[in-house]
N, C-alpha and C. Protein backbone atom coordinates (compact mmCIF):
# COMPACT_ATOMS: atom_id res chain seq x y z
N MET A 1 0.84 -1.17 0.00
CA MET A 1 0.00 0.00 0.00
C MET A 1 0.89 1.24 0.00
N LYS A 2 0.47 2.26 -0.74
CA LYS A 2 1.24 3.50 -0.81
C LYS A 2 1.14 4.27 0.50
N LYS A 3 2.23 4.93 0.85
CA LYS A 3 2.24 5.76 2.05
C LYS A 3 1.69 7.14 1.73
N ASP A 4 1.09 7.76 2.73
CA ASP A 4 0.60 9.15 2.66
C ASP A 4 -0.46 9.38 1.59
N VAL A 5 -1.30 8.40 1.27
CA VAL A 5 -2.38 8.61 0.32
C VAL A 5 -3.72 8.81 1.03
N HIS A 6 -3.79 8.44 2.30
CA HIS A 6 -5.04 8.57 3.04
C HIS A 6 -5.05 9.89 3.82
N PRO A 7 -6.22 10.54 3.90
CA PRO A 7 -6.30 11.79 4.66
C PRO A 7 -6.16 11.53 6.16
N ASP A 8 -5.83 12.59 6.90
CA ASP A 8 -5.70 12.50 8.35
C ASP A 8 -7.07 12.25 8.97
N TYR A 9 -7.19 11.21 9.76
CA TYR A 9 -8.44 10.82 10.40
C TYR A 9 -8.29 11.10 11.89
N HIS A 10 -9.09 12.02 12.44
CA HIS A 10 -8.88 12.50 13.80
C HIS A 10 -10.23 12.75 14.48
N THR A 11 -10.18 13.13 15.75
CA THR A 11 -11.38 13.37 16.55
C THR A 11 -11.80 14.83 16.44
N ILE A 12 -13.11 15.07 16.18
CA ILE A 12 -13.68 16.41 16.17
C ILE A 12 -14.92 16.42 17.04
N THR A 13 -15.43 17.61 17.34
CA THR A 13 -16.67 17.76 18.09
C THR A 13 -17.72 18.32 17.15
N VAL A 14 -18.92 17.74 17.17
CA VAL A 14 -20.03 18.21 16.34
C VAL A 14 -21.04 18.88 17.27
N ALA A 15 -21.40 20.14 16.96
CA ALA A 15 -22.38 20.89 17.74
C ALA A 15 -23.69 20.93 16.98
N MET A 16 -24.74 20.40 17.58
CA MET A 16 -26.07 20.37 16.97
C MET A 16 -26.72 21.74 17.13
N THR A 17 -27.87 21.94 16.48
CA THR A 17 -28.55 23.24 16.52
C THR A 17 -29.13 23.56 17.90
N ASP A 18 -29.41 22.54 18.71
CA ASP A 18 -29.95 22.79 20.04
C ASP A 18 -28.88 22.94 21.11
N GLY A 19 -27.61 22.92 20.70
CA GLY A 19 -26.51 23.09 21.63
C GLY A 19 -25.88 21.79 22.09
N ALA A 20 -26.50 20.66 21.80
CA ALA A 20 -25.93 19.36 22.18
C ALA A 20 -24.67 19.12 21.35
N THR A 21 -23.69 18.45 21.94
CA THR A 21 -22.44 18.15 21.24
C THR A 21 -22.10 16.68 21.40
N PHE A 22 -21.33 16.18 20.44
CA PHE A 22 -20.80 14.83 20.55
C PHE A 22 -19.48 14.77 19.79
N GLU A 23 -18.66 13.82 20.16
CA GLU A 23 -17.37 13.64 19.50
C GLU A 23 -17.46 12.50 18.51
N THR A 24 -16.78 12.67 17.39
CA THR A 24 -16.72 11.64 16.37
C THR A 24 -15.38 11.74 15.67
N ARG A 25 -15.08 10.77 14.85
CA ARG A 25 -13.84 10.81 14.08
C ARG A 25 -14.18 11.19 12.65
N SER A 26 -13.33 12.03 12.04
CA SER A 26 -13.61 12.56 10.72
C SER A 26 -12.33 13.00 10.04
N THR A 27 -12.44 13.26 8.75
CA THR A 27 -11.32 13.86 8.00
C THR A 27 -11.52 15.36 7.87
N TRP A 28 -12.66 15.89 8.38
CA TRP A 28 -12.96 17.31 8.31
C TRP A 28 -12.10 18.08 9.32
N GLY A 29 -11.61 19.23 8.95
CA GLY A 29 -10.90 20.11 9.87
C GLY A 29 -9.61 19.52 10.41
N ALA A 30 -9.29 19.92 11.64
CA ALA A 30 -8.08 19.45 12.31
C ALA A 30 -8.47 18.84 13.66
N GLU A 31 -7.55 18.19 14.29
CA GLU A 31 -7.78 17.55 15.58
C GLU A 31 -8.34 18.57 16.58
N GLY A 32 -9.50 18.25 17.19
CA GLY A 32 -10.08 19.11 18.20
C GLY A 32 -10.99 20.21 17.68
N ASP A 33 -11.15 20.38 16.37
CA ASP A 33 -12.03 21.40 15.82
C ASP A 33 -13.49 21.08 16.14
N THR A 34 -14.36 22.12 16.09
CA THR A 34 -15.79 21.95 16.31
C THR A 34 -16.54 22.26 15.03
N LEU A 35 -17.33 21.31 14.57
CA LEU A 35 -18.18 21.47 13.40
C LEU A 35 -19.57 21.87 13.89
N THR A 36 -19.99 23.11 13.57
CA THR A 36 -21.30 23.61 14.00
C THR A 36 -22.29 23.43 12.86
N LEU A 37 -23.36 22.69 13.14
CA LEU A 37 -24.35 22.39 12.12
C LEU A 37 -25.41 23.49 12.04
N ASP A 38 -25.83 23.86 10.83
CA ASP A 38 -26.91 24.81 10.62
C ASP A 38 -28.26 24.07 10.60
N ILE A 39 -28.26 22.88 10.05
CA ILE A 39 -29.47 22.06 9.95
C ILE A 39 -29.09 20.65 10.38
N ASP A 40 -29.91 20.05 11.20
CA ASP A 40 -29.67 18.67 11.63
C ASP A 40 -31.02 17.96 11.77
N PRO A 41 -31.03 16.67 12.06
CA PRO A 41 -32.29 15.92 12.15
C PRO A 41 -33.25 16.46 13.21
N LYS A 42 -32.77 17.22 14.18
CA LYS A 42 -33.65 17.76 15.21
C LYS A 42 -34.39 19.01 14.74
N SER A 43 -33.90 19.67 13.67
CA SER A 43 -34.52 20.92 13.25
C SER A 43 -35.01 20.92 11.80
N HIS A 44 -34.64 19.94 11.01
CA HIS A 44 -35.00 19.93 9.59
C HIS A 44 -36.42 19.41 9.39
N PRO A 45 -37.24 20.11 8.59
CA PRO A 45 -38.63 19.69 8.40
C PRO A 45 -38.80 18.28 7.83
N ALA A 46 -37.82 17.79 7.11
CA ALA A 46 -37.94 16.45 6.55
C ALA A 46 -38.00 15.40 7.66
N TRP A 47 -37.36 15.67 8.79
CA TRP A 47 -37.36 14.71 9.89
C TRP A 47 -38.37 15.08 10.96
N THR A 48 -38.69 16.35 11.10
CA THR A 48 -39.59 16.76 12.18
C THR A 48 -41.05 16.76 11.75
N GLY A 49 -41.32 16.71 10.44
CA GLY A 49 -42.68 16.71 9.95
C GLY A 49 -43.28 18.10 9.87
N GLY A 50 -42.47 19.11 10.10
CA GLY A 50 -42.96 20.49 10.04
C GLY A 50 -43.20 20.93 8.61
N ALA A 51 -43.95 21.97 8.47
CA ALA A 51 -44.23 22.50 7.14
C ALA A 51 -43.01 23.27 6.65
N GLY A 52 -42.48 22.83 5.54
CA GLY A 52 -41.35 23.54 4.96
C GLY A 52 -41.83 24.69 4.12
N ARG A 53 -41.00 25.67 3.95
CA ARG A 53 -41.40 26.77 3.09
C ARG A 53 -40.59 26.69 1.82
N LEU A 54 -41.20 27.08 0.76
CA LEU A 54 -40.59 26.99 -0.55
C LEU A 54 -39.91 28.31 -0.88
N VAL A 55 -38.63 28.28 -1.14
CA VAL A 55 -37.89 29.48 -1.47
C VAL A 55 -37.78 29.54 -2.99
N ASP A 56 -38.33 30.60 -3.56
CA ASP A 56 -38.34 30.76 -5.00
C ASP A 56 -37.17 31.67 -5.40
N THR A 57 -36.10 31.07 -5.85
CA THR A 57 -34.95 31.85 -6.28
C THR A 57 -34.98 31.98 -7.79
N GLY A 58 -35.05 33.19 -8.25
CA GLY A 58 -35.02 33.44 -9.67
C GLY A 58 -36.31 33.13 -10.39
N GLY A 59 -37.41 33.02 -9.68
CA GLY A 59 -38.70 32.78 -10.33
C GLY A 59 -38.86 31.38 -10.88
N GLN A 60 -38.14 30.41 -10.36
CA GLN A 60 -38.22 29.05 -10.88
C GLN A 60 -39.59 28.43 -10.66
N VAL A 61 -40.21 28.71 -9.51
CA VAL A 61 -41.54 28.14 -9.23
C VAL A 61 -42.57 28.77 -10.17
N ALA A 62 -42.49 30.08 -10.35
CA ALA A 62 -43.41 30.76 -11.26
C ALA A 62 -43.24 30.25 -12.69
N LYS A 63 -42.01 30.04 -13.09
CA LYS A 63 -41.73 29.51 -14.43
C LYS A 63 -42.33 28.12 -14.60
N PHE A 64 -42.18 27.28 -13.58
CA PHE A 64 -42.73 25.93 -13.62
C PHE A 64 -44.26 25.99 -13.70
N ASN A 65 -44.87 26.83 -12.85
CA ASN A 65 -46.33 26.93 -12.84
C ASN A 65 -46.85 27.46 -14.17
N LYS A 66 -46.15 28.40 -14.77
CA LYS A 66 -46.57 28.95 -16.05
C LYS A 66 -46.50 27.88 -17.14
N ARG A 67 -45.44 27.09 -17.08
CA ARG A 67 -45.22 26.08 -18.12
C ARG A 67 -46.16 24.89 -17.97
N PHE A 68 -46.38 24.45 -16.75
CA PHE A 68 -47.14 23.23 -16.52
C PHE A 68 -48.45 23.46 -15.78
N GLY A 69 -48.87 24.69 -15.61
CA GLY A 69 -50.08 25.00 -14.87
C GLY A 69 -51.34 24.45 -15.50
N GLY A 70 -51.36 24.26 -16.81
CA GLY A 70 -52.55 23.77 -17.50
C GLY A 70 -52.77 22.28 -17.32
N PHE A 71 -51.73 21.56 -16.91
CA PHE A 71 -51.88 20.13 -16.71
C PHE A 71 -52.53 19.89 -15.36
N GLY A 72 -53.48 19.02 -15.33
CA GLY A 72 -54.14 18.71 -14.08
C GLY A 72 -55.27 17.73 -14.32
N LEU A 73 -55.85 17.29 -13.26
CA LEU A 73 -56.96 16.37 -13.35
C LEU A 73 -58.23 17.15 -13.63
N LYS A 74 -58.97 16.71 -14.61
CA LYS A 74 -60.23 17.36 -14.93
C LYS A 74 -61.33 16.78 -14.05
N SER A 75 -62.18 17.66 -13.52
CA SER A 75 -63.26 17.17 -12.68
C SER A 75 -64.57 17.18 -13.37
């Protein structure tokens, strides 16, 4: 096996959005660094079941609705 081809694998601290922390091993950062999460399973709507809001950047939703708005189930 070749030497020095694998990244440094070390211990870091992960800080969740509610302030809880845990230690894990990772190749991210340096030994002892803290990775602060912006979104995690405790706060993300996909896991909490909360209503997500749709962010329309550049009018993509309006463009989609204009293009495909006529398609639908006829009653």
